C-alpha cells in the first residue's frame, strides 16, 4: 500500500497503516484486490483488527472536515468514472443518464460505495436475506436484508455498520452495547431493534430498560418506544404501534399514508437493482397497504395499478417509474 492517502502525524506505525487502509477504502478508488488485501491485513491479529476498527470510528466521526475531504475524493472519483463511461456508452438522455450514474455510484462492484465500511464486516446479509447470529452467551441478533455487523475487541460490544438488526440480550452482569454511527445503545436484559439509514439511526425498544446515548445526552426507552438520532442530535422518545415494530421480522412492509418515495426506498432494500422515481411529484403520493418483503415486484405492480404509473424495466435491474 502506498502513501497516496497520508494520515495525521503523531500515530504509531500500526495506527498510521490502519488509517491509510480506511482512507483508501473510502476514496472511491479501491478495488476488490485492495479489499482482499485489507482483510488479510486485519486478520494478522487482534492488534491489527483493533487498529482498523478505531480508524474507522475516527473517520466516521470526524465531522465537517472529514465530510469535506470525503466529498472532494468522491467528486474526483466520480469525474474519473464519468469520463471513462462517456468513452464507452451512448448517452440515454439527461434524466436516464443521471439515474444510471447514480446507481453506478451507490451500487458499484462489491458495494464499495457508499457503504465502504461493510467490506470488513464480520457478518453480512444479502438482498432479501435474514440471518440469526449467536454473539456472546446470552446475546443474539437477527439481521435483516443488506445488513453488516462488525465485532470489536470487547465481546459485549458490536457495531451495526449498515442495515437493520434485532438484538435480544438475556440478563447479564455487564450491559451489552451496540454502536451505530456516533451513538451507543446499551441493555442488560432487553430486546431492541436498530436501523441505520445513512447518517440517521433509529432505535426501537421492544422491552423496558434500553438506553440510547449520543455524546453527553441519553434517553431511556420503555417497551415499544422509539428514538432517532443523527449529527443533528438525539431526539425524544415516541411511542409506536407494536405491529409496526414487528413488521419486518414477519416479512411485511406496512404503509399508512406513506409517501411513495419512502415506499420505494424500502422496496429497494429487498430487491436487486434499483427503482428510480423519474418525476418528483410521484414521491409525494400517499400509499397504504401491506406488502410482502419477499415479493417487492408484486408490491410495485400493485402501486402501478393504483396510481396508473408507467413502469419501464431496463437491464441490470433498473426500474423507472414515471
Protein backbone atom coordinates (compact mmCIF):
# COMPACT_ATOMS: atom_id res chain seq x y z
CA UNK A 1 0.00 0.00 0.00
CA UNK A 2 1.41 3.40 -1.00
CA UNK A 3 1.32 6.70 0.89
CA UNK A 4 -1.05 8.43 -1.54
CA UNK A 5 -3.55 8.66 1.37
CA UNK A 6 -1.50 10.28 4.18
CA UNK A 7 -2.65 10.47 7.79
CA UNK A 8 -2.17 12.74 10.76
CA UNK A 9 1.24 12.72 12.41
CA UNK A 10 1.73 11.52 15.97
CA UNK A 11 0.38 7.99 15.49
CA UNK A 12 2.16 4.72 15.89
CA UNK A 13 3.13 2.75 12.81
CA UNK A 14 0.21 0.32 13.17
CA UNK A 15 -2.32 3.13 13.57
CA UNK A 16 -0.90 5.00 10.59
CA UNK A 17 -1.24 1.92 8.42
CA UNK A 18 -4.82 1.34 9.63
CA UNK A 19 -5.77 4.92 8.75
CA UNK A 20 -4.26 4.53 5.28
CA UNK A 21 -6.40 1.45 4.71
CA UNK A 22 -9.55 3.30 5.79
CA UNK A 23 -8.81 6.29 3.59
CA UNK A 24 -8.07 4.06 0.62
CA UNK A 25 -11.34 2.16 1.01
CA UNK A 26 -13.28 5.41 1.41
CA UNK A 27 -11.69 7.10 -1.60
CA UNK A 28 -13.94 5.51 -4.19
CA UNK A 29 -10.85 4.14 -5.96
CA UNK A 30 -10.48 0.87 -4.03
CA UNK A 31 -10.64 -2.38 -5.98
CA UNK A 32 -11.53 -5.92 -5.00
CA UNK A 33 -7.78 -6.58 -4.73
CA UNK A 34 -7.49 -3.71 -2.23
CA UNK A 35 -10.43 -5.03 -0.24
CA UNK A 36 -8.95 -8.53 -0.03
CA UNK A 37 -5.55 -7.14 0.96
CA UNK A 38 -7.20 -5.14 3.74
CA UNK A 39 -8.98 -8.26 5.01
CA UNK A 40 -5.67 -10.12 5.15
CA UNK A 41 -4.05 -7.21 6.98
CA UNK A 42 -6.83 -7.15 9.60
CA UNK A 43 -6.55 -10.93 10.01
CA UNK A 44 -2.92 -10.70 11.15
CA UNK A 45 -4.02 -10.35 14.74
CA UNK A 46 -6.16 -8.57 17.31
CA UNK A 47 -3.90 -5.50 17.28
CA UNK A 48 -4.38 -5.03 13.53
CA UNK A 49 -8.15 -5.58 13.70
CA UNK A 50 -8.45 -3.23 16.66
CA UNK A 51 -6.42 -0.50 14.98
CA UNK A 52 -8.58 -0.74 11.87
CA UNK A 53 -11.80 -0.56 13.94
CA UNK A 54 -10.55 2.54 15.75
CA UNK A 55 -9.51 4.15 12.47
CA UNK A 56 -13.00 3.51 11.06
CA UNK A 57 -14.65 5.16 14.03
CA UNK A 58 -12.26 8.12 13.79
CA UNK A 59 -13.09 8.85 10.16
CA UNK A 60 -16.83 8.26 10.63
CA UNK A 61 -16.98 10.79 13.49
CA UNK A 62 -14.53 13.31 12.12
CA UNK A 63 -17.29 15.78 11.33
CA UNK A 64 -17.40 18.53 8.75
CA UNK A 65 -13.69 18.41 7.92
CA UNK A 66 -13.88 14.71 7.20
CA UNK A 67 -17.06 15.21 5.20
CA UNK A 68 -15.35 17.80 3.05
CA UNK A 69 -12.39 15.51 2.39
CA UNK A 70 -14.66 12.61 1.53
CA UNK A 71 -16.82 14.79 -0.70
CA UNK A 72 -13.75 16.04 -2.59
CA UNK A 73 -12.49 12.49 -3.03
CA UNK A 74 -15.93 11.30 -4.13
CA UNK A 75 -16.29 14.10 -6.69
CA UNK A 76 -12.85 13.36 -8.10
CA UNK A 77 -13.57 9.65 -8.36
CA UNK A 78 -16.97 10.38 -9.93
CA UNK A 79 -15.43 12.64 -12.57
CA UNK A 80 -12.96 9.89 -13.46
CA UNK A 81 -15.77 7.32 -13.69
CA UNK A 82 -17.87 9.64 -15.82
CA UNK A 83 -15.02 10.34 -18.25
CA UNK A 84 -14.42 6.61 -18.61
CA UNK A 85 -18.12 5.88 -19.01
CA UNK A 86 -18.60 8.55 -21.67
CA UNK A 87 -15.99 6.93 -23.88
CA UNK A 88 -17.83 3.59 -23.80
CA UNK A 89 -21.53 4.41 -23.75
CA UNK A 90 -24.09 6.28 -25.80
CA UNK A 91 -25.98 8.80 -23.68
CA UNK A 92 -29.53 7.65 -22.89
CA UNK A 93 -30.90 11.13 -22.24
CA UNK A 94 -30.43 13.58 -19.37
CA UNK A 95 -32.76 12.12 -16.72
CA UNK A 96 -31.99 8.50 -17.53
CA UNK A 97 -28.25 9.13 -17.65
CA UNK A 98 -28.39 10.79 -14.23
CA UNK A 99 -30.26 7.80 -12.84
CA UNK A 100 -27.78 5.30 -14.26
CA UNK A 101 -24.86 7.36 -12.93
CA UNK A 102 -26.49 7.46 -9.51
CA UNK A 103 -26.95 3.71 -9.50
CA UNK A 104 -23.33 3.21 -10.57
CA UNK A 105 -22.16 5.49 -7.78
CA UNK A 106 -24.05 3.77 -4.97
CA UNK A 107 -24.11 0.16 -6.26
CA UNK A 108 -20.62 -0.47 -7.68
CA UNK A 109 -18.93 -3.90 -7.69
CA UNK A 110 -18.56 -5.31 -4.16
CA UNK A 111 -20.76 -2.42 -2.91
CA UNK A 112 -17.68 -0.32 -2.23
CA UNK A 113 -19.66 2.92 -2.24
CA UNK A 114 -21.18 4.38 -0.19
CA UNK A 115 -21.13 1.61 2.43
CA UNK A 116 -17.35 1.36 2.33
CA UNK A 117 -17.04 0.05 5.88
CA UNK A 118 -19.10 -3.03 5.08
CA UNK A 119 -16.01 -4.51 3.45
CA UNK A 120 -14.50 -5.77 6.69
CA UNK A 121 -17.79 -6.65 8.45
CA UNK A 122 -17.78 -9.99 10.25
CA UNK A 123 -21.40 -10.75 9.37
CA UNK A 124 -23.36 -9.64 6.29
CA UNK A 125 -26.72 -10.39 4.71
CA UNK A 126 -27.56 -10.07 1.04
CA UNK A 127 -30.65 -8.77 -0.72
CA UNK A 128 -33.79 -10.15 0.94
CA UNK A 129 -31.77 -12.33 3.30
CA UNK A 130 -32.32 -12.63 7.05
CA UNK A 131 -29.86 -14.31 9.39
CA UNK A 132 -29.68 -15.09 13.11
CA UNK A 133 -26.29 -14.99 14.83
CA UNK A 134 -25.36 -16.00 18.38
CA UNK A 135 -22.99 -13.47 19.90
CA UNK A 136 -21.63 -13.79 23.44
CA UNK A 137 -23.51 -16.06 25.84
CA UNK A 138 -27.00 -14.68 26.37
CA UNK A 139 -26.92 -12.35 23.37
CA UNK A 140 -28.13 -12.95 19.83
CA UNK A 141 -29.07 -10.87 16.81
CA UNK A 142 -31.42 -11.29 13.87
CA UNK A 143 -30.14 -9.42 10.82
CA UNK A 144 -32.47 -8.06 8.17
CA UNK A 145 -31.71 -7.54 4.49
CA UNK A 146 -28.48 -5.77 3.44
CA UNK A 147 -27.10 -5.60 6.96
CA UNK A 148 -23.49 -5.60 8.14
CA UNK A 149 -22.17 -6.19 11.67
CA UNK A 150 -18.59 -5.84 12.90
CA UNK A 151 -17.13 -7.35 16.06
CA UNK A 152 -14.90 -5.30 18.35
CA UNK A 153 -12.20 -6.20 20.84
CA UNK A 154 -14.87 -6.20 23.59
CA UNK A 155 -17.15 -9.28 23.27
CA UNK A 156 -20.01 -7.28 24.85
CA UNK A 157 -19.81 -4.60 22.17
CA UNK A 158 -20.66 -4.84 18.47
CA UNK A 159 -21.01 -2.29 15.66
CA UNK A 160 -24.00 -2.12 13.32
CA UNK A 161 -22.35 -0.75 10.19
CA UNK A 162 -25.44 -0.66 7.99
CA UNK A 163 -28.91 -2.08 7.65
CA UNK A 164 -31.27 -3.27 10.37
CA UNK A 165 -30.98 -5.78 13.19
CA UNK A 166 -32.93 -7.00 16.19
CA UNK A 167 -30.95 -7.74 19.36
CA UNK A 168 -32.02 -9.99 22.21
CA UNK A 169 -29.98 -9.69 25.39
CA UNK A 170 -30.52 -12.02 28.35
CA UNK A 171 -29.81 -10.79 31.86
CA UNK A 172 -26.09 -10.07 32.23
CA UNK A 173 -23.93 -8.52 34.91
CA UNK A 174 -22.49 -6.14 32.32
CA UNK A 175 -24.54 -4.28 29.68
CA UNK A 176 -24.31 -5.27 26.03
CA UNK A 177 -23.54 -2.31 23.76
CA UNK A 178 -24.33 -1.74 20.09
CA UNK A 179 -22.50 1.06 18.30
CA UNK A 180 -24.23 2.65 15.31
CA UNK A 181 -22.90 5.81 13.64
CA UNK A 182 -21.98 8.14 16.53
CA UNK A 183 -24.31 6.66 19.14
CA UNK A 184 -24.47 3.75 21.53
CA UNK A 185 -27.38 1.55 22.65
CA UNK A 186 -26.97 -0.36 25.93
CA UNK A 187 -29.09 -3.04 27.62
CA UNK A 188 -28.66 -5.88 30.09
CA UNK A 189 -31.99 -7.71 29.78
CA UNK A 190 -33.95 -6.45 26.81
CA UNK A 191 -34.94 -6.69 23.16
CA UNK A 192 -34.42 -3.83 20.75
CA UNK A 193 -34.10 -3.05 17.04
CA UNK A 194 -31.63 -0.67 15.42
CA UNK A 195 -31.77 0.60 11.86
CA UNK A 196 -29.09 2.65 10.11
CA UNK A 197 -30.23 4.87 7.23
CA UNK A 198 -27.12 6.73 6.13
CA UNK A 199 -26.29 9.21 8.89
CA UNK A 200 -29.62 8.65 10.66
CA UNK A 201 -30.12 5.87 13.22
CA UNK A 202 -33.43 4.63 14.63
CA UNK A 203 -33.60 2.60 17.85
CA UNK A 204 -36.81 0.78 18.80
CA UNK A 205 -37.22 -0.80 22.22
CA UNK A 206 -39.30 -3.99 22.37
CA UNK A 207 -38.98 -4.20 26.16
CA UNK A 208 -38.04 -1.94 29.05
CA UNK A 209 -34.60 -0.73 30.09
CA UNK A 210 -32.90 0.22 26.82
CA UNK A 211 -30.61 3.23 26.95
CA UNK A 212 -29.54 5.22 23.89
CA UNK A 213 -26.66 7.70 24.20
CA UNK A 214 -25.29 10.27 21.79
CA UNK A 215 -22.49 12.42 23.12
CA UNK A 216 -23.39 13.68 26.59
CA UNK A 217 -27.15 13.11 26.17
CA UNK A 218 -29.00 9.84 26.73
CA UNK A 219 -32.58 8.59 26.54
CA UNK A 220 -34.04 5.57 28.35
CA UNK A 221 -36.67 3.74 26.32
CA UNK A 222 -39.58 1.68 27.56
CA UNK A 223 -41.35 -1.06 25.63
CA UNK A 224 -42.43 -0.02 22.13
CA UNK A 225 -40.80 3.37 22.23
CA UNK A 226 -38.50 4.69 19.52
CA UNK A 227 -35.84 7.36 19.28
CA UNK A 228 -33.91 8.67 16.27
CA UNK A 229 -30.52 10.34 16.25
CA UNK A 230 -28.13 11.86 13.73
CA UNK A 231 -25.46 14.52 13.65
CA UNK A 232 -28.21 17.00 14.46
CA UNK A 233 -28.65 15.36 17.87
CA UNK A 234 -30.68 12.82 19.80
CA UNK A 235 -34.45 13.10 19.50
CA UNK A 236 -37.14 12.42 22.07
CA UNK A 237 -38.69 9.03 22.75
CA UNK A 238 -42.02 8.41 20.98
CA UNK A 239 -44.48 5.54 21.32
CA UNK A 240 -45.11 3.29 18.32
CA UNK A 241 -47.58 0.60 17.28
CA UNK A 242 -46.24 -2.87 18.18
CA UNK A 243 -47.40 -4.17 14.80
CA UNK A 244 -45.19 -1.62 13.05
CA UNK A 245 -42.20 -2.52 15.19
CA UNK A 246 -42.55 -6.24 14.47
CA UNK A 247 -43.40 -5.94 10.76
CA UNK A 248 -40.01 -6.67 9.19
CA UNK A 249 -39.45 -9.79 11.29
CA UNK A 250 -42.79 -11.06 9.97
CA UNK A 251 -41.75 -10.28 6.39
CA UNK A 252 -44.05 -7.27 5.97
CA UNK A 253 -43.84 -3.65 4.86
CA UNK A 254 -46.72 -1.71 6.44
CA UNK A 255 -47.76 1.54 4.79
CA UNK A 256 -50.27 4.01 6.22
CA UNK A 257 -50.42 7.11 4.02
CA UNK A 258 -46.70 6.66 3.48
CA UNK A 259 -45.08 8.85 0.77
CA UNK A 260 -44.26 6.82 -2.33
CA UNK A 261 -40.62 7.95 -2.17
CA UNK A 262 -40.32 6.24 1.23
CA UNK A 263 -42.07 3.11 -0.03
CA UNK A 264 -39.69 2.94 -2.99
CA UNK A 265 -36.69 3.34 -0.68
CA UNK A 266 -37.98 0.42 1.41
CA UNK A 267 -38.65 -1.80 -1.63
CA UNK A 268 -35.12 -1.12 -2.87
CA UNK A 269 -33.76 -2.78 0.26
CA UNK A 270 -35.48 -6.06 -0.64
CA UNK A 271 -34.74 -6.39 -4.34
CA UNK A 272 -31.75 -6.42 -6.66
CA UNK A 273 -31.23 -3.45 -8.91
CA UNK A 274 -32.82 -0.08 -8.30
CA UNK A 275 -36.24 1.56 -8.54
CA UNK A 276 -35.96 5.21 -9.60
CA UNK A 277 -38.70 7.85 -9.48
CA UNK A 278 -38.34 9.91 -12.66
CA UNK A 279 -40.83 12.60 -11.57
CA UNK A 280 -40.52 14.45 -8.29
CA UNK A 281 -44.30 14.76 -7.82
CA UNK A 282 -44.66 10.98 -7.69
CA UNK A 283 -42.72 10.84 -4.46
CA UNK A 284 -45.47 12.66 -2.55
CA UNK A 285 -48.23 10.20 -3.45
CA UNK A 286 -49.66 8.51 -0.33
CA UNK A 287 -49.52 4.71 -0.19
CA UNK A 288 -51.46 2.48 2.19
CA UNK A 289 -51.28 -1.30 2.32
CA UNK A 290 -49.38 -4.39 3.42
CA UNK A 291 -46.65 -5.76 1.19
CA UNK A 292 -44.52 -8.87 1.49
CA UNK A 293 -40.79 -8.24 1.67
CA UNK A 294 -40.27 -11.47 -0.29
CA UNK A 295 -42.32 -10.05 -3.19
CA UNK A 296 -41.18 -6.45 -3.79
CA UNK A 297 -42.03 -6.57 -7.50
CA UNK A 298 -45.59 -7.63 -6.66
CA UNK A 299 -45.85 -4.56 -4.43
CA UNK A 300 -44.56 -2.44 -7.30
CA UNK A 301 -47.22 -3.92 -9.59
CA UNK A 302 -49.98 -3.03 -7.12
CA UNK A 303 -48.70 0.53 -6.82
CA UNK A 304 -48.57 0.80 -10.61
CA UNK A 305 -52.22 -0.24 -10.90
CA UNK A 306 -53.48 2.06 -8.14
CA UNK A 307 -51.77 5.21 -9.40
CA UNK A 308 -51.53 4.46 -13.12
CA UNK A 309 -47.78 4.89 -13.03
CA UNK A 310 -45.72 3.92 -16.05
CA UNK A 311 -43.07 1.32 -15.22
CA UNK A 312 -40.11 0.75 -17.51
CA UNK A 313 -37.60 -2.03 -16.82
CA UNK A 314 -34.03 -1.76 -18.06
CA UNK A 315 -31.08 -4.20 -17.97
CA UNK A 316 -29.27 -4.54 -14.67
CA UNK A 317 -32.44 -4.42 -12.57
CA UNK A 318 -33.02 -0.69 -13.14
CA UNK A 319 -36.76 0.14 -12.98
CA UNK A 320 -38.02 3.63 -13.89
CA UNK A 321 -41.31 4.99 -12.59
CA UNK A 322 -42.87 7.92 -14.47
